[in-house]
Structure formats: C-alpha cells, structure tokens
Amino acid sequence: MRIEIEHLPDIAILVVTKRLIGDEADDLVSTAQQILEEGIRKFVVDLGNVGEIDSSGLGSLIAAYTVVVKRGGRLVVVPPEAYFHPPMIMTSVLQVFEVYRSREEAIEALRNPDPAPEPAPVPDKAAAPQDLTGCLIVGGVFLLVSALALVVKLLRLLFHLIYGSTP
C-alpha cells in the first residue's frame, strides 16, 4: 500500500494505491492523525486505484474515520474502480461514509457548507443510518467470524498432530 497526500488549502486528499490490507493499512490512521495535527479537518480518501481490500483495511478505514470525526473533522470516500469490493458489500461498511463518484464531487461536498450533493448509492442496499454504531457491530461480527475460522484451523492442526490425519 502506498498513500500519496495531496494538499488543498483546507482539505487533505489521501490517495491510496494498490491495496489496503493487513498491517500496511494502519498507515492510513497514522497519516490521518499527522494531518489532523497540522490543523486540517477535511479529508478525501481516494480508493480509486485500490485493487484489494481486506478486513484489516476496512478496519483502518473505519478507525481513520473515527479519529477524524472525534477531532471535529469530516472524511469522505471515493470508491475503488470496481465500485465496491466484496468485503465492503458484505459488511455494508460504506454505509458509514459519505461516498462520492469522483474526487471532484468529494472535494465539492467538503467545500460546500450547504447540504452535500447526494452521495453515490450503495448497490443493493436500502438507505441506512449514517452512524458508526451499525458499522462497529458489523465489524465486530466480521472479526468474530474470522476468529472462529482461526480456531477451527487450530483445532484441525491439533487433531492432525495428535492423530496424524485430518477429520
């Protein structure tokens, strides 16, 4: 993952390229924190060139959003080229964010003190609340399922070590 930072007078554009996965994804949060220290409170996270996103990447995106909002800021998202990656659809995570079709729309929304233009619709989903609570619940369930999958793998490994074969 690589994050390029473009600065406008009052907006930081975080251009994420290649992938948003694993421990690399933590850079998104630390980058947002550094920019907040500079006094900038408006962020565009441009995922247009991202080819792969996993649960850690989604978690980092949510964490960056939380950090920015808690400091009185606003974070909007430009989705990947393929519009939404399966983990984003599966967890409905994009319903937490303001999502715009292009970087230009996102910037205009941040500059406009009037109500923002209509965010990009989330495919196959009805209008959902824009609070973080639902996303945290879904994220928690996603982590729980991931942990259970790991436990199953460990039990299979243990069974293999004890009995020499897998069930």
Foldseek 3Di string as FASTA:
>chain_A
DDWDWDDDPQEIETEDAAACDDPVLLVLQVVLVVVVVVVRLHYEYEQQHYDYYDLNNLVSVLNNQVVSVVSVHAYAYEAYVVRDDVVCLVLVSCLQHQYAPDPVLSVVQRVDPPHRPHGDDDPPDDRDDNHCVSSVVSSVVVVVVVVVVVVVVVVQVVCCVVVVDGD
